[in-house]
Amino acid sequence: MTQYLSSKEFRQRLPNISEDLKKWGEIIVLKKSKPLFKIISFEENSSDLLNRASAIQDPAQPDLQEIAEIVHKIREAS
């Protein structure tokens, strides 16, 4: 069951957010009555974050490996 919280309520509940996630499954945080972000439990999701990121990757954007190579080259040049 999804629980909706205002950003103020979220900040107040943050110390207990792991228990809330176990109870509710997911939390959607609202700001001015509009969804700001969604929190889901990592254990509930069987996919690895990198696998999920590659599934929605924009072909016009570099992937994580390309970014790592660029950063490595910049560090070598410094």
Protein backbone atom coordinates (compact mmCIF):
# COMPACT_ATOMS: atom_id res chain seq x y z
CA MET A 1 0.00 0.00 0.00
CA THR A 2 1.39 3.39 -0.95
CA GLN A 3 1.61 6.09 1.71
CA TYR A 4 1.67 9.77 0.80
CA LEU A 5 3.54 12.21 3.04
CA SER A 6 4.13 15.92 2.83
CA SER A 7 7.78 16.94 2.78
CA LYS A 8 7.37 18.21 6.35
CA GLU A 9 5.89 14.89 7.52
CA PHE A 10 8.70 13.05 5.73
CA ARG A 11 11.39 15.05 7.55
CA GLN A 12 9.68 14.33 10.88
CA ARG A 13 9.39 10.59 10.15
CA LEU A 14 12.88 10.20 8.67
CA PRO A 15 14.37 8.51 11.78
CA ASN A 16 11.75 5.73 11.45
CA ILE A 17 11.55 5.55 7.66
CA SER A 18 12.76 1.93 7.45
CA GLU A 19 9.87 0.76 9.67
CA ASP A 20 7.45 2.85 7.62
CA LEU A 21 8.69 1.23 4.41
CA LYS A 22 8.17 -2.23 5.87
CA LYS A 23 4.63 -1.26 6.85
CA TRP A 24 3.59 0.65 3.71
CA GLY A 25 5.79 -0.77 0.93
CA GLU A 26 6.43 2.60 -0.71
CA ILE A 27 6.27 6.26 0.24
CA ILE A 28 5.56 9.15 -2.09
CA VAL A 29 6.71 12.52 -0.78
CA LEU A 30 4.66 15.52 -1.83
CA LYS A 31 5.58 19.19 -2.02
CA LYS A 32 2.72 21.62 -2.53
CA SER A 33 0.47 18.62 -3.23
CA LYS A 34 2.66 17.45 -6.14
CA PRO A 35 4.78 14.26 -6.08
CA LEU A 36 8.41 15.11 -5.37
CA PHE A 37 9.95 11.62 -5.12
CA LYS A 38 9.13 8.02 -4.29
CA ILE A 39 10.94 5.82 -1.77
CA ILE A 40 10.93 2.05 -2.11
CA SER A 41 12.72 -0.57 -0.09
CA PHE A 42 15.88 -1.83 -1.79
CA GLU A 43 15.27 -5.38 -0.54
CA GLU A 44 11.85 -5.44 -2.20
CA ASN A 45 13.39 -4.81 -5.61
CA SER A 46 15.26 -7.81 -7.03
CA SER A 47 16.93 -5.88 -9.85
CA ASP A 48 20.37 -4.42 -9.42
CA LEU A 49 20.45 -0.62 -9.71
CA LEU A 50 22.93 -0.70 -12.58
CA ASN A 51 20.77 -3.17 -14.50
CA ARG A 52 17.74 -0.94 -14.04
CA ALA A 53 19.74 2.11 -15.09
CA SER A 54 20.94 0.42 -18.26
CA ALA A 55 17.39 -0.60 -19.12
CA ILE A 56 16.29 3.04 -19.20
CA GLN A 57 19.53 4.46 -20.56
CA ASP A 58 19.30 7.29 -23.06
CA PRO A 59 21.47 6.34 -26.07
CA ALA A 60 22.47 9.99 -26.44
CA GLN A 61 24.04 9.96 -22.95
CA PRO A 62 27.29 8.19 -22.01
CA ASP A 63 26.99 5.06 -19.86
CA LEU A 64 28.69 4.63 -16.49
CA GLN A 65 31.73 2.91 -18.00
CA GLU A 66 32.27 5.79 -20.45
CA ILE A 67 31.95 8.32 -17.64
CA ALA A 68 34.49 6.40 -15.54
CA GLU A 69 36.95 6.38 -18.48
CA ILE A 70 36.51 10.13 -19.01
CA VAL A 71 37.10 10.84 -15.32
CA HIS A 72 40.19 8.60 -15.35
CA LYS A 73 41.62 10.46 -18.36
CA ILE A 74 40.98 13.83 -16.72
CA ARG A 75 42.75 12.70 -13.54
CA GLU A 76 45.74 11.43 -15.56
CA ALA A 77 46.02 14.78 -17.36
CA SER A 78 46.05 16.75 -14.09
